N, C-alpha and C. Protein backbone atom coordinates (compact mmCIF):
# COMPACT_ATOMS: atom_id res chain seq x y z
N MET A 1 169.70 -114.06 -35.69
CA MET A 1 169.10 -112.98 -36.33
C MET A 1 170.21 -112.29 -37.22
N ARG A 2 171.35 -112.15 -36.66
CA ARG A 2 172.47 -111.45 -37.29
C ARG A 2 172.85 -112.22 -38.59
N ALA A 3 172.83 -113.55 -38.42
CA ALA A 3 173.29 -114.44 -39.56
C ALA A 3 172.34 -114.26 -40.68
N GLY A 4 171.12 -114.24 -40.32
CA GLY A 4 170.00 -114.04 -41.23
C GLY A 4 170.07 -112.72 -42.00
N ARG A 5 170.39 -111.60 -41.30
CA ARG A 5 170.46 -110.29 -41.91
C ARG A 5 171.77 -110.27 -42.93
N THR A 6 172.76 -110.96 -42.55
CA THR A 6 174.05 -111.04 -43.40
C THR A 6 173.74 -111.86 -44.62
N VAL A 7 173.12 -112.87 -44.49
CA VAL A 7 172.85 -113.71 -45.63
C VAL A 7 171.81 -113.04 -46.59
N ALA A 8 170.76 -112.43 -46.02
CA ALA A 8 169.79 -111.69 -46.77
C ALA A 8 170.31 -110.56 -47.61
N SER A 9 171.40 -109.96 -47.09
CA SER A 9 172.03 -108.79 -47.68
C SER A 9 172.71 -109.14 -49.03
N PHE A 10 173.03 -110.49 -49.22
CA PHE A 10 173.60 -110.88 -50.44
C PHE A 10 172.62 -111.38 -51.51
N ALA A 11 171.30 -111.31 -51.16
CA ALA A 11 170.26 -111.78 -52.14
C ALA A 11 170.15 -110.84 -53.19
N ARG A 12 169.80 -111.28 -54.55
CA ARG A 12 169.51 -110.50 -55.58
C ARG A 12 168.14 -109.86 -55.64
N ASP A 13 167.19 -110.70 -55.13
CA ASP A 13 165.79 -110.45 -55.13
C ASP A 13 165.09 -111.19 -54.02
N SER A 14 163.76 -110.95 -53.94
CA SER A 14 163.07 -111.65 -52.74
C SER A 14 163.07 -113.28 -52.85
N GLY A 15 162.93 -113.71 -54.11
CA GLY A 15 163.12 -115.21 -54.34
C GLY A 15 164.48 -115.74 -53.89
N ASP A 16 165.49 -115.00 -54.29
CA ASP A 16 166.85 -115.45 -54.05
C ASP A 16 167.10 -115.28 -52.45
N ARG A 17 166.50 -114.34 -51.90
CA ARG A 17 166.54 -114.12 -50.37
C ARG A 17 165.92 -115.26 -49.66
N ARG A 18 164.70 -115.74 -50.17
CA ARG A 18 163.95 -116.80 -49.54
C ARG A 18 164.70 -118.13 -49.67
N ASP A 19 165.34 -118.34 -50.81
CA ASP A 19 166.07 -119.61 -51.13
C ASP A 19 167.34 -119.52 -50.25
N LEU A 20 168.03 -118.48 -50.20
CA LEU A 20 169.31 -118.45 -49.40
C LEU A 20 169.07 -118.77 -47.91
N LEU A 21 168.02 -118.06 -47.35
CA LEU A 21 167.64 -118.26 -46.01
C LEU A 21 167.23 -119.70 -45.72
N SER A 22 166.39 -120.16 -46.66
CA SER A 22 165.87 -121.67 -46.46
C SER A 22 167.01 -122.67 -46.55
N MET A 23 167.90 -122.51 -47.55
CA MET A 23 169.08 -123.41 -47.60
C MET A 23 169.86 -123.56 -46.32
N LEU A 24 169.98 -122.44 -45.68
CA LEU A 24 170.82 -122.42 -44.39
C LEU A 24 169.83 -122.64 -43.14
N ASP A 25 168.54 -122.84 -43.37
CA ASP A 25 167.61 -123.01 -42.31
C ASP A 25 167.64 -121.74 -41.28
N LEU A 26 167.62 -120.58 -41.91
CA LEU A 26 167.65 -119.36 -41.10
C LEU A 26 166.33 -118.61 -41.27
N PRO A 27 165.80 -118.15 -40.16
CA PRO A 27 164.60 -117.33 -40.25
C PRO A 27 164.81 -116.05 -40.97
N ASP A 28 163.73 -115.56 -41.55
CA ASP A 28 163.86 -114.26 -42.25
C ASP A 28 163.82 -113.21 -41.12
N PRO A 29 164.86 -112.39 -41.08
CA PRO A 29 164.97 -111.45 -39.94
C PRO A 29 163.91 -110.36 -40.03
N ASP A 30 163.25 -110.10 -41.17
CA ASP A 30 162.31 -109.13 -41.38
C ASP A 30 160.84 -109.70 -41.40
N ALA A 31 160.72 -110.90 -41.17
CA ALA A 31 159.42 -111.51 -41.29
C ALA A 31 158.51 -111.19 -40.04
N GLU A 32 157.24 -111.14 -40.24
CA GLU A 32 156.42 -110.85 -39.12
C GLU A 32 156.35 -112.07 -38.17
N PRO A 33 156.25 -111.81 -36.83
CA PRO A 33 156.27 -112.95 -35.96
C PRO A 33 155.06 -113.95 -36.34
N ASP A 34 155.43 -115.17 -36.35
CA ASP A 34 154.53 -116.25 -36.73
C ASP A 34 153.30 -116.25 -35.60
N THR A 35 152.14 -116.11 -36.15
CA THR A 35 151.08 -116.09 -35.23
C THR A 35 150.16 -117.37 -35.36
N ALA A 36 150.58 -118.27 -36.40
CA ALA A 36 149.86 -119.59 -36.59
C ALA A 36 150.13 -120.42 -35.39
N PRO A 37 149.15 -121.27 -35.11
CA PRO A 37 149.28 -122.19 -33.92
C PRO A 37 150.42 -123.18 -34.20
N ALA A 38 151.14 -123.48 -33.10
CA ALA A 38 152.22 -124.41 -33.31
C ALA A 38 151.72 -125.82 -33.41
N TYR A 39 152.44 -126.59 -34.10
CA TYR A 39 152.14 -128.00 -34.36
C TYR A 39 153.45 -128.85 -34.27
N ASP A 40 153.23 -129.99 -34.02
CA ASP A 40 154.39 -130.94 -33.86
C ASP A 40 154.54 -131.77 -35.11
N ALA A 41 155.62 -131.46 -35.96
CA ALA A 41 155.92 -132.04 -37.25
C ALA A 41 155.93 -133.51 -37.17
N HIS A 42 156.56 -134.02 -36.10
CA HIS A 42 156.76 -135.47 -35.92
C HIS A 42 155.29 -136.10 -35.66
N ALA A 43 154.50 -135.41 -34.96
CA ALA A 43 153.09 -135.94 -34.68
C ALA A 43 152.26 -136.02 -35.97
N LEU A 44 152.49 -134.94 -36.76
CA LEU A 44 151.87 -134.87 -38.07
C LEU A 44 152.25 -135.98 -39.00
N SER A 45 153.46 -136.20 -39.08
CA SER A 45 154.08 -137.35 -39.97
C SER A 45 153.53 -138.60 -39.56
N ALA A 46 153.49 -138.85 -38.15
CA ALA A 46 153.09 -140.17 -37.65
C ALA A 46 151.53 -140.32 -37.91
N ALA A 47 150.82 -139.33 -37.67
CA ALA A 47 149.36 -139.35 -37.87
C ALA A 47 149.00 -139.45 -39.30
N LEU A 48 149.63 -138.74 -40.10
CA LEU A 48 149.38 -138.89 -41.66
C LEU A 48 149.71 -140.30 -42.12
N ASP A 49 150.82 -140.87 -41.72
CA ASP A 49 151.07 -142.32 -42.08
C ASP A 49 150.10 -143.27 -41.65
N ALA A 50 149.46 -143.07 -40.37
CA ALA A 50 148.42 -143.88 -39.89
C ALA A 50 147.18 -143.79 -40.74
N TYR A 51 146.80 -142.51 -40.99
CA TYR A 51 145.57 -142.26 -41.78
C TYR A 51 145.82 -142.89 -43.23
N VAL A 52 146.92 -142.66 -43.89
CA VAL A 52 147.14 -143.14 -45.25
C VAL A 52 147.19 -144.66 -45.30
N ARG A 53 147.73 -145.22 -44.25
CA ARG A 53 147.66 -146.66 -44.18
C ARG A 53 146.26 -147.32 -44.02
N ALA A 54 145.36 -146.46 -43.26
CA ALA A 54 144.04 -146.94 -43.06
C ALA A 54 143.31 -146.82 -44.38
N VAL A 55 143.61 -145.77 -45.17
CA VAL A 55 142.95 -145.63 -46.47
C VAL A 55 143.42 -146.65 -47.39
N ALA A 56 144.74 -146.99 -47.41
CA ALA A 56 145.31 -148.00 -48.34
C ALA A 56 144.76 -149.41 -48.04
N THR A 57 144.51 -149.64 -46.74
CA THR A 57 143.94 -150.93 -46.45
C THR A 57 142.44 -151.01 -46.95
N THR A 58 141.74 -149.97 -46.81
CA THR A 58 140.39 -149.95 -47.24
C THR A 58 140.29 -149.97 -48.76
N VAL A 59 141.19 -149.41 -49.45
CA VAL A 59 141.16 -149.29 -50.93
C VAL A 59 141.78 -150.61 -51.48
N GLY A 60 142.58 -151.31 -50.72
CA GLY A 60 143.31 -152.43 -51.23
C GLY A 60 144.65 -152.23 -51.84
N VAL A 61 145.27 -151.26 -51.36
CA VAL A 61 146.66 -151.01 -51.84
C VAL A 61 147.61 -151.53 -50.91
N PRO A 62 148.61 -152.43 -51.21
CA PRO A 62 149.67 -152.85 -50.37
C PRO A 62 150.64 -151.83 -49.92
N PRO A 63 151.21 -152.16 -48.78
CA PRO A 63 152.16 -151.08 -48.17
C PRO A 63 153.25 -150.62 -49.12
N GLU A 64 153.69 -151.40 -50.13
CA GLU A 64 154.78 -151.13 -50.99
C GLU A 64 154.26 -150.09 -52.14
N GLY A 65 152.93 -149.83 -52.13
CA GLY A 65 152.37 -148.98 -53.04
C GLY A 65 151.94 -147.63 -52.40
N VAL A 66 152.37 -147.37 -51.17
CA VAL A 66 152.00 -146.25 -50.54
C VAL A 66 153.18 -145.36 -50.11
N THR A 67 153.04 -144.15 -50.20
CA THR A 67 154.11 -143.24 -49.67
C THR A 67 153.36 -141.87 -49.13
N CYS A 68 154.00 -141.29 -48.21
CA CYS A 68 153.39 -139.99 -47.65
C CYS A 68 154.51 -139.25 -47.10
N GLU A 69 154.48 -137.92 -47.11
CA GLU A 69 155.42 -137.10 -46.51
C GLU A 69 154.90 -135.76 -46.04
N VAL A 70 155.60 -135.04 -45.14
CA VAL A 70 155.28 -133.79 -44.61
C VAL A 70 156.47 -132.87 -44.96
N THR A 71 156.20 -131.87 -45.87
CA THR A 71 157.31 -130.86 -46.05
C THR A 71 156.63 -129.49 -45.91
N ASP A 72 156.59 -128.58 -46.92
CA ASP A 72 155.95 -127.49 -46.80
C ASP A 72 154.35 -127.77 -47.02
N THR A 73 154.07 -128.89 -47.57
CA THR A 73 152.69 -129.40 -47.62
C THR A 73 152.70 -130.86 -47.19
N ALA A 74 151.65 -131.33 -46.69
CA ALA A 74 151.48 -132.79 -46.48
C ALA A 74 150.85 -133.40 -47.59
N THR A 75 151.48 -134.49 -48.00
CA THR A 75 151.01 -135.18 -49.31
C THR A 75 151.03 -136.72 -49.11
N ALA A 76 150.31 -137.51 -49.93
CA ALA A 76 150.20 -138.92 -50.00
C ALA A 76 150.10 -139.38 -51.34
N TYR A 77 150.60 -140.60 -51.69
CA TYR A 77 150.56 -141.19 -53.00
C TYR A 77 150.17 -142.70 -52.77
N LEU A 78 149.17 -143.21 -53.46
CA LEU A 78 148.75 -144.59 -53.44
C LEU A 78 148.77 -145.06 -54.82
N ALA A 79 149.50 -146.13 -55.21
CA ALA A 79 149.45 -146.72 -56.49
C ALA A 79 148.34 -147.64 -56.62
N LEU A 80 147.45 -147.33 -57.55
CA LEU A 80 146.29 -148.24 -57.72
C LEU A 80 146.59 -149.17 -58.89
N SER A 81 146.08 -150.43 -58.66
CA SER A 81 146.47 -151.49 -59.68
C SER A 81 145.33 -151.53 -60.74
N ARG A 82 144.43 -150.52 -60.83
CA ARG A 82 143.40 -150.54 -61.77
C ARG A 82 143.66 -149.57 -62.99
N ARG A 83 142.94 -149.72 -63.99
CA ARG A 83 143.16 -148.91 -65.14
C ARG A 83 141.64 -148.55 -65.64
N VAL A 84 141.61 -147.56 -66.57
CA VAL A 84 140.33 -147.18 -67.14
C VAL A 84 140.49 -147.34 -68.63
N PRO A 85 139.35 -147.67 -69.36
CA PRO A 85 139.47 -147.94 -70.74
C PRO A 85 139.92 -146.65 -71.56
N GLU A 86 139.60 -145.46 -71.09
CA GLU A 86 139.98 -144.14 -71.72
C GLU A 86 141.41 -143.94 -71.70
N HIS A 87 142.21 -144.62 -70.81
CA HIS A 87 143.70 -144.38 -70.84
C HIS A 87 144.27 -145.78 -70.76
N PRO A 88 144.23 -146.61 -71.87
CA PRO A 88 144.82 -147.99 -71.84
C PRO A 88 146.34 -147.86 -71.56
N GLY A 89 146.84 -148.79 -70.78
CA GLY A 89 148.28 -148.88 -70.59
C GLY A 89 148.80 -147.99 -69.50
N ARG A 90 147.83 -147.26 -68.92
CA ARG A 90 148.33 -146.32 -67.86
C ARG A 90 147.53 -146.68 -66.55
N ASP A 91 148.45 -146.68 -65.49
CA ASP A 91 147.85 -147.05 -64.11
C ASP A 91 147.30 -145.76 -63.56
N LEU A 92 146.54 -146.00 -62.50
CA LEU A 92 145.83 -144.99 -61.81
C LEU A 92 146.57 -144.73 -60.45
N MET A 93 146.43 -143.60 -60.01
CA MET A 93 147.07 -143.25 -58.61
C MET A 93 146.03 -142.49 -57.82
N LEU A 94 146.04 -142.61 -56.53
CA LEU A 94 145.28 -141.93 -55.56
C LEU A 94 146.14 -140.88 -54.87
N LEU A 95 145.89 -139.73 -55.00
CA LEU A 95 146.73 -138.58 -54.44
C LEU A 95 146.04 -137.81 -53.32
N TRP A 96 146.70 -137.41 -52.31
CA TRP A 96 146.14 -136.59 -51.29
C TRP A 96 147.08 -135.42 -51.02
N THR A 97 146.54 -134.20 -50.86
CA THR A 97 147.19 -133.18 -50.17
C THR A 97 146.43 -132.46 -49.18
N GLU A 98 147.08 -131.79 -48.19
CA GLU A 98 146.19 -131.27 -47.16
C GLU A 98 145.33 -130.06 -47.70
N CYS A 99 145.81 -129.43 -48.83
CA CYS A 99 145.02 -128.31 -49.38
C CYS A 99 143.95 -128.70 -50.36
N GLN A 100 144.04 -129.79 -51.10
CA GLN A 100 143.20 -130.27 -52.12
C GLN A 100 142.46 -131.52 -51.85
N GLY A 101 142.76 -132.27 -50.77
CA GLY A 101 142.03 -133.52 -50.46
C GLY A 101 142.52 -134.65 -51.40
N TRP A 102 141.62 -135.61 -51.56
CA TRP A 102 141.87 -136.70 -52.36
C TRP A 102 141.49 -136.63 -53.99
N ALA A 103 142.28 -137.25 -54.63
CA ALA A 103 142.04 -137.22 -56.09
C ALA A 103 142.50 -138.53 -56.77
N VAL A 104 141.62 -139.01 -57.72
CA VAL A 104 142.17 -140.21 -58.50
C VAL A 104 142.62 -139.66 -59.82
N SER A 105 143.83 -140.04 -60.23
CA SER A 105 144.42 -139.46 -61.34
C SER A 105 145.08 -140.62 -62.21
N VAL A 106 145.27 -140.23 -63.45
CA VAL A 106 146.02 -141.18 -64.32
C VAL A 106 147.53 -140.85 -64.14
N GLU A 107 148.37 -141.97 -64.07
CA GLU A 107 149.77 -141.77 -63.97
C GLU A 107 150.32 -141.19 -65.30
N THR A 108 150.92 -140.09 -65.16
CA THR A 108 151.53 -139.33 -66.39
C THR A 108 153.03 -139.22 -66.23
N ARG A 109 153.69 -138.82 -67.21
CA ARG A 109 155.09 -138.47 -67.24
C ARG A 109 155.21 -137.09 -66.65
N PRO A 110 156.27 -136.78 -66.02
CA PRO A 110 156.56 -135.48 -65.41
C PRO A 110 156.26 -134.36 -66.42
N VAL A 111 156.51 -134.41 -67.66
CA VAL A 111 156.29 -133.37 -68.62
C VAL A 111 154.82 -133.23 -69.01
N GLU A 112 153.95 -134.17 -68.67
CA GLU A 112 152.52 -134.18 -69.17
C GLU A 112 151.73 -133.47 -68.08
N PRO A 113 150.63 -132.88 -68.51
CA PRO A 113 149.72 -132.27 -67.50
C PRO A 113 148.92 -133.30 -66.76
N ALA A 114 148.57 -133.03 -65.59
CA ALA A 114 147.75 -134.05 -64.78
C ALA A 114 146.43 -134.41 -65.41
N ILE A 115 146.03 -135.65 -65.25
CA ILE A 115 144.80 -136.13 -65.82
C ILE A 115 143.97 -136.57 -64.55
N VAL A 116 143.12 -135.67 -63.96
CA VAL A 116 142.39 -135.99 -62.79
C VAL A 116 140.98 -136.58 -63.21
N LEU A 117 140.72 -137.80 -62.82
CA LEU A 117 139.48 -138.37 -63.04
C LEU A 117 138.34 -138.12 -62.01
N ALA A 118 138.70 -137.91 -60.91
CA ALA A 118 137.76 -137.55 -59.77
C ALA A 118 138.44 -137.10 -58.59
N ARG A 119 137.74 -136.12 -57.92
CA ARG A 119 138.25 -135.43 -56.75
C ARG A 119 137.14 -135.49 -55.61
N LEU A 120 137.58 -135.68 -54.40
CA LEU A 120 136.73 -135.70 -53.18
C LEU A 120 136.92 -134.44 -52.45
N GLY A 121 136.08 -133.52 -52.50
CA GLY A 121 136.21 -132.23 -51.83
C GLY A 121 135.59 -132.26 -50.44
N GLY A 122 135.44 -131.14 -49.88
CA GLY A 122 134.81 -130.87 -48.58
C GLY A 122 135.86 -131.15 -47.42
N ASP A 123 135.66 -132.23 -46.75
CA ASP A 123 136.56 -132.63 -45.69
C ASP A 123 137.89 -133.09 -46.09
N PRO A 124 138.99 -132.38 -45.64
CA PRO A 124 140.34 -132.79 -46.04
C PRO A 124 140.78 -134.16 -45.50
N VAL A 125 140.08 -134.61 -44.48
CA VAL A 125 140.41 -135.95 -43.84
C VAL A 125 139.08 -136.81 -43.82
N PRO A 126 138.55 -137.24 -44.97
CA PRO A 126 137.35 -137.98 -44.98
C PRO A 126 137.65 -139.41 -44.52
N PRO A 127 136.57 -140.10 -43.99
CA PRO A 127 136.82 -141.46 -43.62
C PRO A 127 137.38 -142.39 -44.83
N PRO A 128 138.15 -143.37 -44.47
CA PRO A 128 138.68 -144.24 -45.60
C PRO A 128 137.62 -144.83 -46.42
N LEU A 129 136.47 -145.09 -45.91
CA LEU A 129 135.33 -145.58 -46.77
C LEU A 129 134.89 -144.64 -47.85
N SER A 130 134.95 -143.31 -47.40
CA SER A 130 134.57 -142.29 -48.45
C SER A 130 135.61 -142.25 -49.53
N VAL A 131 136.86 -142.44 -49.23
CA VAL A 131 137.94 -142.46 -50.24
C VAL A 131 137.76 -143.69 -51.19
N ALA A 132 137.46 -144.79 -50.62
CA ALA A 132 137.16 -146.03 -51.31
C ALA A 132 136.06 -145.80 -52.29
N GLY A 133 134.92 -144.97 -51.86
CA GLY A 133 133.94 -144.67 -52.76
C GLY A 133 134.37 -143.91 -53.88
N LEU A 134 135.19 -142.95 -53.57
CA LEU A 134 135.72 -142.16 -54.65
C LEU A 134 136.48 -142.91 -55.74
N VAL A 135 137.17 -143.81 -55.33
CA VAL A 135 137.94 -144.73 -56.24
C VAL A 135 136.97 -145.52 -57.10
N ALA A 136 135.91 -146.11 -56.48
CA ALA A 136 134.90 -146.89 -57.16
C ALA A 136 134.17 -146.04 -58.12
N HIS A 137 133.78 -144.81 -57.77
CA HIS A 137 133.09 -143.80 -58.77
C HIS A 137 134.02 -143.54 -59.91
N ALA A 138 135.23 -143.34 -59.68
CA ALA A 138 136.18 -142.86 -60.69
C ALA A 138 136.36 -143.98 -61.82
N LEU A 139 136.03 -145.27 -61.44
CA LEU A 139 136.18 -146.28 -62.37
C LEU A 139 135.06 -146.51 -63.22
N HIS A 140 133.89 -145.91 -62.80
CA HIS A 140 132.68 -146.04 -63.63
C HIS A 140 132.64 -144.92 -64.63
N PRO A 141 132.01 -145.22 -65.88
CA PRO A 141 132.09 -144.33 -67.03
C PRO A 141 131.37 -142.97 -66.69
N ASP A 142 130.35 -142.99 -65.80
CA ASP A 142 129.55 -141.67 -65.53
C ASP A 142 130.42 -140.93 -64.56
N GLY A 143 131.26 -141.50 -63.71
CA GLY A 143 132.06 -140.83 -62.71
C GLY A 143 131.21 -140.16 -61.68
N PRO A 144 131.88 -139.66 -60.64
CA PRO A 144 131.24 -138.96 -59.45
C PRO A 144 130.83 -137.53 -59.75
N PRO A 145 129.95 -137.10 -59.00
CA PRO A 145 129.58 -135.60 -59.19
C PRO A 145 130.74 -134.62 -58.94
N PRO A 146 130.76 -133.46 -59.45
CA PRO A 146 131.85 -132.51 -59.24
C PRO A 146 132.07 -132.29 -57.69
N ALA A 147 133.26 -132.27 -57.30
CA ALA A 147 133.58 -132.14 -55.91
C ALA A 147 133.55 -130.69 -55.41
N GLN A 148 133.13 -130.61 -54.17
CA GLN A 148 133.24 -129.26 -53.54
C GLN A 148 134.65 -129.00 -53.15
N PRO A 149 134.94 -127.74 -53.01
CA PRO A 149 136.41 -127.45 -52.61
C PRO A 149 136.67 -127.93 -51.22
N VAL A 150 137.89 -128.27 -50.98
CA VAL A 150 138.32 -128.72 -49.66
C VAL A 150 138.38 -127.60 -48.74
N THR A 151 137.88 -127.85 -47.62
CA THR A 151 138.10 -126.73 -46.43
C THR A 151 139.31 -127.00 -45.78
N PRO A 152 140.43 -126.26 -46.02
CA PRO A 152 141.71 -126.46 -45.46
C PRO A 152 141.64 -126.44 -43.83
N LEU A 153 142.55 -127.07 -43.12
CA LEU A 153 142.71 -127.13 -41.80
C LEU A 153 144.04 -126.44 -41.54
N ASP A 154 144.26 -125.86 -40.30
CA ASP A 154 145.60 -125.42 -39.93
C ASP A 154 146.25 -126.70 -39.49
N ARG A 155 147.68 -126.71 -39.38
CA ARG A 155 148.33 -127.91 -39.16
C ARG A 155 148.05 -128.44 -37.75
N SER A 156 147.67 -127.63 -36.70
CA SER A 156 147.32 -128.24 -35.47
C SER A 156 145.94 -129.04 -35.61
N ALA A 157 145.09 -128.49 -36.36
CA ALA A 157 143.74 -129.21 -36.46
C ALA A 157 143.96 -130.36 -37.32
N LEU A 158 144.87 -130.35 -38.34
CA LEU A 158 145.07 -131.47 -39.13
C LEU A 158 145.69 -132.66 -38.30
N VAL A 159 146.68 -132.27 -37.42
CA VAL A 159 147.18 -133.33 -36.52
C VAL A 159 146.17 -134.00 -35.74
N GLU A 160 145.26 -133.20 -35.26
CA GLU A 160 144.24 -133.62 -34.38
C GLU A 160 143.36 -134.59 -35.10
N ARG A 161 142.92 -134.24 -36.30
CA ARG A 161 141.96 -135.14 -37.19
C ARG A 161 142.68 -136.37 -37.53
N LEU A 162 143.94 -136.23 -37.94
CA LEU A 162 144.66 -137.45 -38.48
C LEU A 162 145.00 -138.40 -37.30
N SER A 163 145.12 -137.85 -36.07
CA SER A 163 145.58 -138.66 -34.97
C SER A 163 144.60 -139.79 -34.59
N ARG A 164 143.35 -139.57 -35.04
CA ARG A 164 142.35 -140.58 -34.82
C ARG A 164 142.73 -141.95 -35.42
N TYR A 165 143.53 -141.96 -36.35
CA TYR A 165 143.97 -143.21 -36.97
C TYR A 165 145.20 -143.85 -36.37
N LEU A 166 145.82 -143.20 -35.38
CA LEU A 166 146.96 -143.75 -34.70
C LEU A 166 146.42 -144.90 -33.80
N ARG A 167 147.15 -145.91 -33.60
CA ARG A 167 146.75 -147.10 -32.81
C ARG A 167 147.63 -147.20 -31.58
């Protein structure tokens, strides 16, 4: 606590304070006690990996085209080997975040805005077959209907839902 106060006293503003404390992995000494349910970060990583592998298998993406990680948000990326006529020469990707769910997007350069073709809302952890349906619909000219917003889960509930895919 004392180290956190000392480091925080050198900050120029709130953003600098947050960055300094984060770099040194120190808790904010003035933060409210965390009332969010505890979750196991390793369990979340393992469960997310299992879920994403199940989706990749269903969609037909090989292991080398898949990545996922858990940081301040849980995310996944699947490289699709398909393209759409509207964006010739550009691959598609299937992206997932715990807050926004699944989306089929066109691969863009970092300086370009995202090009989202379809989004699957509602359940943040839909069955792999539903995700495969999203990909199939994104490839059709008429596309899928607009998605409902994703209903976020707290990390404990997310671990529980994703753990169904562990073997």
